[in-house]
Amino acid sequence: SGDTMLNRRYATGLLAALAVLAAPTVAFAQSYPAKPIRWVVPYPAGGGSDFLARTIGQQLSTQIGHPVTVDNKPGANTAIAASEVARSAPDGYTVLSADNGTMVFNSALYSKLSYNPDKDLVRKG
């Protein structure tokens, strides 16, 4: 069904993004990650996005040896979470479960958006 396909596509995108985060990189002066990762989910706890983030985060935490904390920040069509992530240090320790609304539609729908998806957020996966 359409929902199943969307969920699979979403899960695949999240897995790809996390694979990028978990992959060792020579660009980092120190080994990455050196501290916990904060995963911001722009939807309420208990939903599909929260479930995926917690499930994948738990596995990722085991692989990297550091906690992955899921932080739910629902509201304003994902703009609250996106704004918070956009204001965070660009060090790879804060990630966002973003969707088309976050990255495309919000900037088209709202004239005063508190983040710029092209300048403030980096797409991975």
PDB file of N, CA and C in Angstrom:
ATOM      1  N   SER A   1       0.831  -1.184   0.000  1.00  0.00           N
ATOM      2  CA  SER A   1       0.000   0.000   0.000  1.00  0.00           C
ATOM      3  C   SER A   1       0.872   1.243   0.000  1.00  0.00           C
ATOM      4  N   GLY A   2       0.289   2.405  -0.199  1.00  0.00           N
ATOM      5  CA  GLY A   2       1.022   3.667  -0.262  1.00  0.00           C
ATOM      6  C   GLY A   2       1.727   3.997   1.035  1.00  0.00           C
ATOM      7  N   ASP A   3       1.058   3.739   2.178  1.00  0.00           N
ATOM      8  CA  ASP A   3       1.681   4.029   3.473  1.00  0.00           C
ATOM      9  C   ASP A   3       2.897   3.152   3.711  1.00  0.00           C
ATOM     10  N   THR A   4       2.790   1.875   3.345  1.00  0.00           N
ATOM     11  CA  THR A   4       3.911   0.962   3.522  1.00  0.00           C
ATOM     12  C   THR A   4       5.090   1.399   2.671  1.00  0.00           C
ATOM     13  N   MET A   5       4.821   1.797   1.424  1.00  0.00           N
ATOM     14  CA  MET A   5       5.887   2.246   0.542  1.00  0.00           C
ATOM     15  C   MET A   5       6.548   3.500   1.092  1.00  0.00           C
ATOM     16  N   LEU A   6       5.754   4.437   1.594  1.00  0.00           N
ATOM     17  CA  LEU A   6       6.289   5.660   2.169  1.00  0.00           C
ATOM     18  C   LEU A   6       7.139   5.341   3.396  1.00  0.00           C
ATOM     19  N   ASN A   7       6.665   4.443   4.252  1.00  0.00           N
ATOM     20  CA  ASN A   7       7.424   4.067   5.444  1.00  0.00           C
ATOM     21  C   ASN A   7       8.736   3.393   5.069  1.00  0.00           C
ATOM     22  N   ARG A   8       8.708   2.526   4.062  1.00  0.00           N
ATOM     23  CA  ARG A   8       9.946   1.872   3.620  1.00  0.00           C
ATOM     24  C   ARG A   8      10.915   2.894   3.054  1.00  0.00           C
ATOM     25  N   ARG A   9      10.398   3.814   2.257  1.00  0.00           N
ATOM     26  CA  ARG A   9      11.247   4.842   1.668  1.00  0.00           C
ATOM     27  C   ARG A   9      11.840   5.717   2.770  1.00  0.00           C
ATOM     28  N   TYR A  10      11.036   6.071   3.755  1.00  0.00           N
ATOM     29  CA  TYR A  10      11.496   6.897   4.865  1.00  0.00           C
ATOM     30  C   TYR A  10      12.563   6.155   5.671  1.00  0.00           C
ATOM     31  N   ALA A  11      12.299   4.891   5.969  1.00  0.00           N
ATOM     32  CA  ALA A  11      13.258   4.093   6.735  1.00  0.00           C
ATOM     33  C   ALA A  11      14.564   3.934   5.972  1.00  0.00           C
ATOM     34  N   THR A  12      14.475   3.726   4.671  1.00  0.00           N
ATOM     35  CA  THR A  12      15.674   3.589   3.856  1.00  0.00           C
ATOM     36  C   THR A  12      16.487   4.876   3.877  1.00  0.00           C
ATOM     37  N   GLY A  13      15.803   6.006   3.790  1.00  0.00           N
ATOM     38  CA  GLY A  13      16.496   7.294   3.848  1.00  0.00           C
ATOM     39  C   GLY A  13      17.183   7.518   5.183  1.00  0.00           C
ATOM     40  N   LEU A  14      16.502   7.159   6.255  1.00  0.00           N
ATOM     41  CA  LEU A  14      17.101   7.306   7.584  1.00  0.00           C
ATOM     42  C   LEU A  14      18.316   6.403   7.745  1.00  0.00           C
ATOM     43  N   LEU A  15      18.195   5.173   7.281  1.00  0.00           N
ATOM     44  CA  LEU A  15      19.322   4.247   7.377  1.00  0.00           C
ATOM     45  C   LEU A  15      20.519   4.758   6.587  1.00  0.00           C
ATOM     46  N   ALA A  16      20.265   5.285   5.408  1.00  0.00           N
ATOM     47  CA  ALA A  16      21.353   5.831   4.600  1.00  0.00           C
ATOM     48  C   ALA A  16      22.015   7.009   5.304  1.00  0.00           C
ATOM     49  N   ALA A  17      21.204   7.879   5.888  1.00  0.00           N
ATOM     50  CA  ALA A  17      21.752   9.037   6.597  1.00  0.00           C
ATOM     51  C   ALA A  17      22.589   8.602   7.793  1.00  0.00           C
ATOM     52  N   LEU A  18      22.115   7.623   8.510  1.00  0.00           N
ATOM     53  CA  LEU A  18      22.859   7.161   9.678  1.00  0.00           C
ATOM     54  C   LEU A  18      24.106   6.386   9.291  1.00  0.00           C
ATOM     55  N   ALA A  19      24.067   5.707   8.160  1.00  0.00           N
ATOM     56  CA  ALA A  19      25.265   5.020   7.684  1.00  0.00           C
ATOM     57  C   ALA A  19      26.366   6.034   7.411  1.00  0.00           C
ATOM     58  N   VAL A  20      25.991   7.171   6.866  1.00  0.00           N
ATOM     59  CA  VAL A  20      26.956   8.240   6.623  1.00  0.00           C
ATOM     60  C   VAL A  20      27.531   8.731   7.947  1.00  0.00           C
ATOM     61  N   LEU A  21      26.676   8.898   8.945  1.00  0.00           N
ATOM     62  CA  LEU A  21      27.141   9.359  10.256  1.00  0.00           C
ATOM     63  C   LEU A  21      28.058   8.346  10.923  1.00  0.00           C
ATOM     64  N   ALA A  22      27.745   7.073  10.766  1.00  0.00           N
ATOM     65  CA  ALA A  22      28.500   6.038  11.452  1.00  0.00           C
ATOM     66  C   ALA A  22      29.801   5.695  10.742  1.00  0.00           C
ATOM     67  N   ALA A  23      29.922   6.043   9.477  1.00  0.00           N
ATOM     68  CA  ALA A  23      31.118   5.708   8.710  1.00  0.00           C
ATOM     69  C   ALA A  23      32.313   6.508   9.220  1.00  0.00           C
ATOM     70  N   PRO A  24      33.467   5.844   9.364  1.00  0.00           N
ATOM     71  CA  PRO A  24      34.656   6.581   9.787  1.00  0.00           C
ATOM     72  C   PRO A  24      35.100   7.553   8.692  1.00  0.00           C
ATOM     73  N   THR A  25      35.604   8.703   9.108  1.00  0.00           N
ATOM     74  CA  THR A  25      36.000   9.741   8.169  1.00  0.00           C
ATOM     75  C   THR A  25      37.345  10.312   8.579  1.00  0.00           C
ATOM     76  N   VAL A  26      38.235  10.497   7.622  1.00  0.00           N
ATOM     77  CA  VAL A  26      39.534  11.076   7.925  1.00  0.00           C
ATOM     78  C   VAL A  26      39.467  12.581   8.107  1.00  0.00           C
ATOM     79  N   ALA A  27      38.380  13.196   7.708  1.00  0.00           N
ATOM     80  CA  ALA A  27      38.255  14.649   7.818  1.00  0.00           C
ATOM     81  C   ALA A  27      38.176  15.120   9.266  1.00  0.00           C
ATOM     82  N   PHE A  28      37.779  14.258  10.172  1.00  0.00           N
ATOM     83  CA  PHE A  28      37.678  14.641  11.573  1.00  0.00           C
ATOM     84  C   PHE A  28      39.043  14.519  12.240  1.00  0.00           C
ATOM     85  N   ALA A  29      39.434  15.571  12.988  1.00  0.00           N
ATOM     86  CA  ALA A  29      40.716  15.551  13.675  1.00  0.00           C
ATOM     87  C   ALA A  29      40.731  14.481  14.755  1.00  0.00           C
ATOM     88  N   GLN A  30      39.628  14.292  15.412  1.00  0.00           N
ATOM     89  CA  GLN A  30      39.504  13.241  16.412  1.00  0.00           C
ATOM     90  C   GLN A  30      38.553  12.185  15.877  1.00  0.00           C
ATOM     91  N   SER A  31      38.536  11.038  16.513  1.00  0.00           N
ATOM     92  CA  SER A  31      37.625  10.002  16.032  1.00  0.00           C
ATOM     93  C   SER A  31      36.187  10.447  16.276  1.00  0.00           C
ATOM     94  N   TYR A  32      35.360  10.195  15.297  1.00  0.00           N
ATOM     95  CA  TYR A  32      33.942  10.574  15.377  1.00  0.00           C
ATOM     96  C   TYR A  32      33.141   9.320  15.574  1.00  0.00           C
ATOM     97  N   PRO A  33      32.216   9.304  16.440  1.00  0.00           N
ATOM     98  CA  PRO A  33      31.843  10.368  17.364  1.00  0.00           C
ATOM     99  C   PRO A  33      32.632  10.288  18.657  1.00  0.00           C
ATOM    100  N   ALA A  34      32.859  11.416  19.236  1.00  0.00           N
ATOM    101  CA  ALA A  34      33.570  11.502  20.506  1.00  0.00           C
ATOM    102  C   ALA A  34      32.626  11.847  21.651  1.00  0.00           C
ATOM    103  N   LYS A  35      31.353  12.022  21.330  1.00  0.00           N
ATOM    104  CA  LYS A  35      30.357  12.353  22.354  1.00  0.00           C
ATOM    105  C   LYS A  35      28.989  11.891  21.857  1.00  0.00           C
ATOM    106  N   PRO A  36      27.964  11.954  22.703  1.00  0.00           N
ATOM    107  CA  PRO A  36      26.622  11.508  22.302  1.00  0.00           C
ATOM    108  C   PRO A  36      26.081  12.295  21.107  1.00  0.00           C
ATOM    109  N   ILE A  37      25.205  11.638  20.361  1.00  0.00           N
ATOM    110  CA  ILE A  37      24.533  12.247  19.216  1.00  0.00           C
ATOM    111  C   ILE A  37      23.091  12.536  19.610  1.00  0.00           C
ATOM    112  N   ARG A  38      22.624  13.693  19.244  1.00  0.00           N
ATOM    113  CA  ARG A  38      21.235  14.093  19.507  1.00  0.00           C
ATOM    114  C   ARG A  38      20.464  14.010  18.194  1.00  0.00           C
ATOM    115  N   TRP A  39      19.413  13.205  18.189  1.00  0.00           N
ATOM    116  CA  TRP A  39      18.579  13.017  17.000  1.00  0.00           C
ATOM    117  C   TRP A  39      17.245  13.709  17.254  1.00  0.00           C
ATOM    118  N   VAL A  40      17.001  14.799  16.546  1.00  0.00           N
ATOM    119  CA  VAL A  40      15.785  15.580  16.726  1.00  0.00           C
ATOM    120  C   VAL A  40      14.718  15.077  15.756  1.00  0.00           C
ATOM    121  N   VAL A  41      13.566  14.721  16.314  1.00  0.00           N
ATOM    122  CA  VAL A  41      12.429  14.237  15.532  1.00  0.00           C
ATOM    123  C   VAL A  41      11.339  15.302  15.606  1.00  0.00           C
ATOM    124  N   PRO A  42      10.877  15.814  14.457  1.00  0.00           N
ATOM    125  CA  PRO A  42       9.901  16.902  14.474  1.00  0.00           C
ATOM    126  C   PRO A  42       8.451  16.458  14.658  1.00  0.00           C
ATOM    127  N   TYR A  43       8.262  15.314  15.260  1.00  0.00           N
ATOM    128  CA  TYR A  43       6.923  14.762  15.477  1.00  0.00           C
ATOM    129  C   TYR A  43       6.808  14.266  16.913  1.00  0.00           C
ATOM    130  N   PRO A  44       5.579  14.078  17.418  1.00  0.00           N
ATOM    131  CA  PRO A  44       5.399  13.635  18.805  1.00  0.00           C
ATOM    132  C   PRO A  44       5.956  12.233  19.055  1.00  0.00           C
ATOM    133  N   ALA A  45       6.281  11.981  20.303  1.00  0.00           N
ATOM    134  CA  ALA A  45       6.726  10.650  20.713  1.00  0.00           C
ATOM    135  C   ALA A  45       5.612   9.643  20.466  1.00  0.00           C
ATOM    136  N   GLY A  46       6.002   8.449  20.082  1.00  0.00           N
ATOM    137  CA  GLY A  46       5.039   7.373  19.879  1.00  0.00           C
ATOM    138  C   GLY A  46       4.616   7.172  18.446  1.00  0.00           C
ATOM    139  N   GLY A  47       4.958   8.083  17.548  1.00  0.00           N
ATOM    140  CA  GLY A  47       4.591   7.956  16.143  1.00  0.00           C
ATOM    141  C   GLY A  47       5.629   7.166  15.363  1.00  0.00           C
ATOM    142  N   GLY A  48       5.406   7.047  14.084  1.00  0.00           N
ATOM    143  CA  GLY A  48       6.293   6.279  13.222  1.00  0.00           C
ATOM    144  C   GLY A  48       7.706   6.826  13.161  1.00  0.00           C
ATOM    145  N   SER A  49       7.850   8.137  13.051  1.00  0.00           N
ATOM    146  CA  SER A  49       9.182   8.749  12.993  1.00  0.00           C
ATOM    147  C   SER A  49       9.939   8.544  14.296  1.00  0.00           C
ATOM    148  N   ASP A  50       9.235   8.668  15.404  1.00  0.00           N
ATOM    149  CA  ASP A  50       9.839   8.447  16.716  1.00  0.00           C
ATOM    150  C   ASP A  50      10.292   6.997  16.854  1.00  0.00           C
ATOM    151  N   PHE A  51       9.436   6.073  16.440  1.00  0.00           N
ATOM    152  CA  PHE A  51       9.771   4.651  16.521  1.00  0.00           C
ATOM    153  C   PHE A  51      11.024   4.341  15.699  1.00  0.00           C
ATOM    154  N   LEU A  52      11.074   4.843  14.471  1.00  0.00           N
ATOM    155  CA  LEU A  52      12.240   4.589  13.623  1.00  0.00           C
ATOM    156  C   LEU A  52      13.500   5.197  14.224  1.00  0.00           C
ATOM    157  N   ALA A  53      13.417   6.421  14.699  1.00  0.00           N
ATOM    158  CA  ALA A  53      14.584   7.075  15.279  1.00  0.00           C
ATOM    159  C   ALA A  53      15.091   6.312  16.499  1.00  0.00           C
ATOM    160  N   ARG A  54      14.185   5.875  17.346  1.00  0.00           N
ATOM    161  CA  ARG A  54      14.603   5.146  18.549  1.00  0.00           C
ATOM    162  C   ARG A  54      15.173   3.773  18.211  1.00  0.00           C
ATOM    163  N   THR A  55      14.568   3.094  17.261  1.00  0.00           N
ATOM    164  CA  THR A  55      15.046   1.768  16.872  1.00  0.00           C
ATOM    165  C   THR A  55      16.418   1.858  16.209  1.00  0.00           C
ATOM    166  N   ILE A  56      16.545   2.754  15.246  1.00  0.00           N
ATOM    167  CA  ILE A  56      17.822   2.912  14.551  1.00  0.00           C
ATOM    168  C   ILE A  56      18.862   3.516  15.491  1.00  0.00           C
ATOM    169  N   GLY A  57      18.459   4.480  16.303  1.00  0.00           N
ATOM    170  CA  GLY A  57      19.377   5.102  17.248  1.00  0.00           C
ATOM    171  C   GLY A  57      19.971   4.115  18.236  1.00  0.00           C
ATOM    172  N   GLN A  58      19.156   3.171  18.680  1.00  0.00           N
ATOM    173  CA  GLN A  58      19.643   2.152  19.608  1.00  0.00           C
ATOM    174  C   GLN A  58      20.713   1.284  18.942  1.00  0.00           C
ATOM    175  N   GLN A  59      20.473   0.881  17.713  1.00  0.00           N
ATOM    176  CA  GLN A  59      21.453   0.076  16.979  1.00  0.00           C
ATOM    177  C   GLN A  59      22.716   0.889  16.703  1.00  0.00           C
ATOM    178  N   LEU A  60      22.542   2.127  16.285  1.00  0.00           N
ATOM    179  CA  LEU A  60      23.682   2.992  16.000  1.00  0.00           C
ATOM    180  C   LEU A  60      24.512   3.220  17.257  1.00  0.00           C
ATOM    181  N   SER A  61      23.854   3.419  18.377  1.00  0.00           N
ATOM    182  CA  SER A  61      24.538   3.615  19.647  1.00  0.00           C
ATOM    183  C   SER A  61      25.440   2.428  19.981  1.00  0.00           C
ATOM    184  N   THR A  62      24.934   1.241  19.743  1.00  0.00           N
ATOM    185  CA  THR A  62      25.720   0.029  19.978  1.00  0.00           C
ATOM    186  C   THR A  62      26.941  -0.003  19.066  1.00  0.00           C
ATOM    187  N   GLN A  63      26.772   0.387  17.818  1.00  0.00           N
ATOM    188  CA  GLN A  63      27.870   0.350  16.848  1.00  0.00           C
ATOM    189  C   GLN A  63      28.941   1.397  17.123  1.00  0.00           C
ATOM    190  N   ILE A  64      28.546   2.593  17.534  1.00  0.00           N
ATOM    191  CA  ILE A  64      29.516   3.679  17.687  1.00  0.00           C
ATOM    192  C   ILE A  64      30.031   3.844  19.110  1.00  0.00           C
ATOM    193  N   GLY A  65      29.371   3.196  20.058  1.00  0.00           N
ATOM    194  CA  GLY A  65      29.829   3.257  21.439  1.00  0.00           C
ATOM    195  C   GLY A  65      29.487   4.543  22.177  1.00  0.00           C
ATOM    196  N   HIS A  66      28.563   5.310  21.648  1.00  0.00           N
ATOM    197  CA  HIS A  66      28.099   6.537  22.299  1.00  0.00           C
ATOM    198  C   HIS A  66      26.580   6.579  22.232  1.00  0.00           C
ATOM    199  N   PRO A  67      25.938   7.192  23.210  1.00  0.00           N
ATOM    200  CA  PRO A  67      24.477   7.267  23.188  1.00  0.00           C
ATOM    201  C   PRO A  67      23.948   8.087  22.010  1.00  0.00           C
ATOM    202  N   VAL A  68      22.799   7.672  21.526  1.00  0.00           N
ATOM    203  CA  VAL A  68      22.039   8.445  20.547  1.00  0.00           C
ATOM    204  C   VAL A  68      20.732   8.793  21.243  1.00  0.00           C
ATOM    205  N   THR A  69      20.545  10.063  21.535  1.00  0.00           N
ATOM    206  CA  THR A  69      19.371  10.527  22.260  1.00  0.00           C
ATOM    207  C   THR A  69      18.344  11.074  21.282  1.00  0.00           C
ATOM    208  N   VAL A  70      17.120  10.563  21.360  1.00  0.00           N
ATOM    209  CA  VAL A  70      16.037  11.050  20.511  1.00  0.00           C
ATOM    210  C   VAL A  70      15.307  12.154  21.259  1.00  0.00           C
ATOM    211  N   ASP A  71      15.172  13.296  20.606  1.00  0.00           N
ATOM    212  CA  ASP A  71      14.544  14.472  21.197  1.00  0.00           C
ATOM    213  C   ASP A  71      13.378  14.894  20.304  1.00  0.00           C
ATOM    214  N   ASN A  72      12.156  14.680  20.767  1.00  0.00           N
ATOM    215  CA  ASN A  72      10.964  15.026  19.988  1.00  0.00           C
ATOM    216  C   ASN A  72      10.648  16.506  20.148  1.00  0.00           C
ATOM    217  N   LYS A  73      10.529  17.209  19.019  1.00  0.00           N
ATOM    218  CA  LYS A  73      10.215  18.644  18.995  1.00  0.00           C
ATOM    219  C   LYS A  73       9.119  18.886  17.958  1.00  0.00           C
ATOM    220  N   PRO A  74       7.889  18.463  18.247  1.00  0.00           N
ATOM    221  CA  PRO A  74       6.811  18.635  17.268  1.00  0.00           C
ATOM    222  C   PRO A  74       6.313  20.075  17.199  1.00  0.00           C
ATOM    223  N   GLY A  75       5.686  20.393  16.081  1.00  0.00           N
ATOM    224  CA  GLY A  75       5.004  21.673  15.950  1.00  0.00           C
ATOM    225  C   GLY A  75       5.438  22.492  14.759  1.00  0.00           C
ATOM    226  N   ALA A  76       4.537  23.364  14.330  1.00  0.00           N
ATOM    227  CA  ALA A  76       4.779  24.320  13.241  1.00  0.00           C
ATOM    228  C   ALA A  76       5.234  23.634  11.956  1.00  0.00           C
ATOM    229  N   ASN A  77       4.596  22.530  11.635  1.00  0.00           N
ATOM    230  CA  ASN A  77       4.942  21.785  10.412  1.00  0.00           C
ATOM    231  C   ASN A  77       6.429  21.471  10.326  1.00  0.00           C
ATOM    232  N   THR A  78       7.006  21.007  11.392  1.00  0.00           N
ATOM    233  CA  THR A  78       8.405  20.593  11.554  1.00  0.00           C
ATOM    234  C   THR A  78       9.375  21.767  11.703  1.00  0.00           C
ATOM    235  N   ALA A  79       8.904  23.006  11.644  1.00  0.00           N
ATOM    236  CA  ALA A  79       9.796  24.165  11.684  1.00  0.00           C
ATOM    237  C   ALA A  79      10.450  24.366  13.051  1.00  0.00           C
ATOM    238  N   ILE A  80       9.787  23.980  14.122  1.00  0.00           N
ATOM    239  CA  ILE A  80      10.381  24.129  15.460  1.00  0.00           C
ATOM    240  C   ILE A  80      11.642  23.279  15.565  1.00  0.00           C
ATOM    241  N   ALA A  81      11.538  22.032  15.180  1.00  0.00           N
ATOM    242  CA  ALA A  81      12.696  21.131  15.230  1.00  0.00           C
ATOM    243  C   ALA A  81      13.784  21.585  14.266  1.00  0.00           C
ATOM    244  N   ALA A  82      13.401  21.939  13.054  1.00  0.00           N
ATOM    245  CA  ALA A  82      14.384  22.359  12.053  1.00  0.00           C
ATOM    246  C   ALA A  82      15.128  23.609  12.506  1.00  0.00           C
ATOM    247  N   SER A  83      14.427  24.553  13.103  1.00  0.00           N
ATOM    248  CA  SER A  83      15.061  25.778  13.600  1.00  0.00           C
ATOM    249  C   SER A  83      16.060  25.467  14.702  1.00  0.00           C
ATOM    250  N   GLU A  84      15.681  24.573  15.586  1.00  0.00           N
ATOM    251  CA  GLU A  84      16.583  24.212  16.679  1.00  0.00           C
ATOM    252  C   GLU A  84      17.843  23.543  16.152  1.00  0.00           C
ATOM    253  N   VAL A  85      17.688  22.645  15.196  1.00  0.00           N
ATOM    254  CA  VAL A  85      18.853  21.983  14.607  1.00  0.00           C
ATOM    255  C   VAL A  85      19.695  22.998  13.830  1.00  0.00           C
ATOM    256  N   ALA A  86      19.054  23.908  13.124  1.00  0.00           N
ATOM    257  CA  ALA A  86      19.782  24.927  12.361  1.00  0.00           C
ATOM    258  C   ALA A  86      20.632  25.807  13.276  1.00  0.00           C
ATOM    259  N   ARG A  87      20.186  26.036  14.499  1.00  0.00           N
ATOM    260  CA  ARG A  87      20.933  26.857  15.461  1.00  0.00           C
ATOM    261  C   ARG A  87      22.027  26.073  16.184  1.00  0.00           C
ATOM    262  N   SER A  88      22.043  24.768  16.036  1.00  0.00           N
ATOM    263  CA  SER A  88      23.044  23.960  16.740  1.00  0.00           C
ATOM    264  C   SER A  88      24.398  24.055  16.036  1.00  0.00           C
ATOM    265  N   ALA A  89      25.426  23.663  16.746  1.00  0.00           N
ATOM    266  CA  ALA A  89      26.773  23.678  16.162  1.00  0.00           C
ATOM    267  C   ALA A  89      26.818  22.732  14.959  1.00  0.00           C
ATOM    268  N   PRO A  90      27.452  23.133  13.871  1.00  0.00           N
ATOM    269  CA  PRO A  90      27.523  22.278  12.678  1.00  0.00           C
ATOM    270  C   PRO A  90      28.633  21.236  12.793  1.00  0.00           C
ATOM    271  N   ASP A  91      28.540  20.409  13.822  1.00  0.00           N
ATOM    272  CA  ASP A  91      29.608  19.457  14.108  1.00  0.00           C
ATOM    273  C   ASP A  91      29.217  17.995  13.891  1.00  0.00           C
ATOM    274  N   GLY A  92      28.002  17.752  13.410  1.00  0.00           N
ATOM    275  CA  GLY A  92      27.574  16.381  13.150  1.00  0.00           C
ATOM    276  C   GLY A  92      27.007  15.663  14.359  1.00  0.00           C
ATOM    277  N   TYR A  93      26.871  16.355  15.479  1.00  0.00           N
ATOM    278  CA  TYR A  93      26.341  15.717  16.679  1.00  0.00           C
ATOM    279  C   TYR A  93      24.856  15.983  16.897  1.00  0.00           C
ATOM    280  N   THR A  94      24.251  16.755  16.040  1.00  0.00           N
ATOM    281  CA  THR A  94      22.807  16.979  16.079  1.00  0.00           C
ATOM    282  C   THR A  94      22.262  16.675  14.696  1.00  0.00           C
ATOM    283  N   VAL A  95      21.365  15.697  14.620  1.00  0.00           N
ATOM    284  CA  VAL A  95      20.771  15.318  13.337  1.00  0.00           C
ATOM    285  C   VAL A  95      19.261  15.496  13.415  1.00  0.00           C
ATOM    286  N   LEU A  96      18.640  15.632  12.263  1.00  0.00           N
ATOM    287  CA  LEU A  96      17.213  15.903  12.174  1.00  0.00           C
ATOM    288  C   LEU A  96      16.555  14.897  11.248  1.00  0.00           C
ATOM    289  N   SER A  97      15.430  14.356  11.668  1.00  0.00           N
ATOM    290  CA  SER A  97      14.595  13.566  10.764  1.00  0.00           C
ATOM    291  C   SER A  97      13.783  14.565   9.953  1.00  0.00           C
ATOM    292  N   ALA A  98      14.266  14.895   8.781  1.00  0.00           N
ATOM    293  CA  ALA A  98      13.600  15.888   7.940  1.00  0.00           C
ATOM    294  C   ALA A  98      12.811  15.197   6.838  1.00  0.00           C
ATOM    295  N   ASP A  99      11.784  15.876   6.378  1.00  0.00           N
ATOM    296  CA  ASP A  99      10.994  15.354   5.268  1.00  0.00           C
ATOM    297  C   ASP A  99      10.826  16.456   4.226  1.00  0.00           C
ATOM    298  N   ASN A 100      10.026  16.200   3.215  1.00  0.00           N
ATOM    299  CA  ASN A 100       9.815  17.200   2.166  1.00  0.00           C
ATOM    300  C   ASN A 100       9.240  18.500   2.714  1.00  0.00           C
ATOM    301  N   GLY A 101       8.391  18.405   3.725  1.00  0.00           N
ATOM    302  CA  GLY A 101       7.838  19.611   4.335  1.00  0.00           C
ATOM    303  C   GLY A 101       8.931  20.476   4.927  1.00  0.00           C
ATOM    304  N   THR A 102       9.846  19.850   5.638  1.00  0.00           N
ATOM    305  CA  THR A 102      10.944  20.559   6.285  1.00  0.00           C
ATOM    306  C   THR A 102      11.876  21.201   5.269  1.00  0.00           C
ATOM    307  N   MET A 103      12.220  20.447   4.239  1.00  0.00           N
ATOM    308  CA  MET A 103      13.255  20.867   3.308  1.00  0.00           C
ATOM    309  C   MET A 103      12.750  21.638   2.090  1.00  0.00           C
ATOM    310  N   VAL A 104      11.465  21.484   1.734  1.00  0.00           N
ATOM    311  CA  VAL A 104      10.962  22.113   0.508  1.00  0.00           C
ATOM    312  C   VAL A 104       9.729  22.970   0.765  1.00  0.00           C
ATOM    313  N   PHE A 105       8.687  22.358   1.281  1.00  0.00           N
ATOM    314  CA  PHE A 105       7.388  23.023   1.345  1.00  0.00           C
ATOM    315  C   PHE A 105       7.326  24.181   2.331  1.00  0.00           C
ATOM    316  N   ASN A 106       7.966  24.046   3.493  1.00  0.00           N
ATOM    317  CA  ASN A 106       7.874  25.119   4.491  1.00  0.00           C
ATOM    318  C   ASN A 106       8.377  26.451   3.950  1.00  0.00           C
ATOM    319  N   SER A 107       9.495  26.436   3.231  1.00  0.00           N
ATOM    320  CA  SER A 107      10.024  27.698   2.707  1.00  0.00           C
ATOM    321  C   SER A 107       9.123  28.281   1.624  1.00  0.00           C
ATOM    322  N   ALA A 108       8.360  27.439   0.944  1.00  0.00           N
ATOM    323  CA  ALA A 108       7.415  27.930  -0.066  1.00  0.00           C
ATOM    324  C   ALA A 108       6.122  28.432   0.573  1.00  0.00           C
ATOM    325  N   LEU A 109       5.755  27.866   1.710  1.00  0.00           N
ATOM    326  CA  LEU A 109       4.491  28.212   2.353  1.00  0.00           C
ATOM    327  C   LEU A 109       4.581  29.384   3.325  1.00  0.00           C
ATOM    328  N   TYR A 110       5.726  29.555   3.959  1.00  0.00           N
ATOM    329  CA  TYR A 110       5.857  30.564   5.008  1.00  0.00           C
ATOM    330  C   TYR A 110       6.876  31.628   4.607  1.00  0.00           C
ATOM    331  N   SER A 111       6.469  32.877   4.621  1.00  0.00           N
ATOM    332  CA  SER A 111       7.371  33.963   4.219  1.00  0.00           C
ATOM    333  C   SER A 111       8.428  34.255   5.277  1.00  0.00           C
ATOM    334  N   LYS A 112       8.113  33.989   6.537  1.00  0.00           N
ATOM    335  CA  LYS A 112       9.067  34.240   7.616  1.00  0.00           C
ATOM    336  C   LYS A 112       9.395  32.934   8.321  1.00  0.00           C
ATOM    337  N   LEU A 113      10.238  32.157   7.713  1.00  0.00           N
ATOM    338  CA  LEU A 113      10.673  30.885   8.278  1.00  0.00           C
ATOM    339  C   LEU A 113      11.961  31.132   9.060  1.00  0.00           C
ATOM    340  N   SER A 114      12.076  30.563  10.237  1.00  0.00           N
ATOM    341  CA  SER A 114      13.227  30.838  11.104  1.00  0.00           C
ATOM    342  C   SER A 114      14.471  30.026  10.754  1.00  0.00           C
ATOM    343  N   TYR A 115      14.439  29.302   9.663  1.00  0.00           N
ATOM    344  CA  TYR A 115      15.613  28.581   9.184  1.00  0.00           C
ATOM    345  C   TYR A 115      15.579  28.585   7.663  1.00  0.00           C
ATOM    346  N   ASN A 116      16.740  28.418   7.062  1.00  0.00           N
ATOM    347  CA  ASN A 116      16.841  28.301   5.612  1.00  0.00           C
ATOM    348  C   ASN A 116      17.318  26.883   5.316  1.00  0.00           C
ATOM    349  N   PRO A 117      16.470  26.040   4.725  1.00  0.00           N
ATOM    350  CA  PRO A 117      16.861  24.648   4.528  1.00  0.00           C
ATOM    351  C   PRO A 117      18.093  24.479   3.646  1.00  0.00           C
ATOM    352  N   ASP A 118      18.347  25.412   2.753  1.00  0.00           N
ATOM    353  CA  ASP A 118      19.508  25.298   1.872  1.00  0.00           C
ATOM    354  C   ASP A 118      20.798  25.780   2.523  1.00  0.00           C
ATOM    355  N   LYS A 119      20.706  26.717   3.451  1.00  0.00           N
ATOM    356  CA  LYS A 119      21.900  27.281   4.080  1.00  0.00           C
ATOM    357  C   LYS A 119      22.154  26.753   5.488  1.00  0.00           C
ATOM    358  N   ASP A 120      21.089  26.451   6.213  1.00  0.00           N
ATOM    359  CA  ASP A 120      21.227  26.097   7.625  1.00  0.00           C
ATOM    360  C   ASP A 120      21.284  24.597   7.891  1.00  0.00           C
ATOM    361  N   LEU A 121      20.838  23.792   6.944  1.00  0.00           N
ATOM    362  CA  LEU A 121      20.801  22.342   7.130  1.00  0.00           C
ATOM    363  C   LEU A 121      21.591  21.661   6.015  1.00  0.00           C
ATOM    364  N   VAL A 122      22.248  20.561   6.350  1.00  0.00           N
ATOM    365  CA  VAL A 122      23.015  19.792   5.371  1.00  0.00           C
ATOM    366  C   VAL A 122      22.304  18.473   5.146  1.00  0.00           C
ATOM    367  N   ARG A 123      22.018  18.175   3.895  1.00  0.00           N
ATOM    368  CA  ARG A 123      21.334  16.916   3.556  1.00  0.00           C
ATOM    369  C   ARG A 123      22.345  15.773   3.531  1.00  0.00           C
ATOM    370  N   LYS A 124      21.974  14.665   4.148  1.00  0.00           N
ATOM    371  CA  LYS A 124      22.794  13.449   4.137  1.00  0.00           C
ATOM    372  C   LYS A 124      21.903  12.286   3.767  1.00  0.00           C
ATOM    373  N   GLY A 125      22.452  11.366   3.016  1.00  0.00           N
ATOM    374  CA  GLY A 125      21.706  10.145   2.691  1.00  0.00           C
ATOM    375  C   GLY A 125      20.789  10.218   1.543  1.00  0.00           C
TER     376      GLY A 125
END
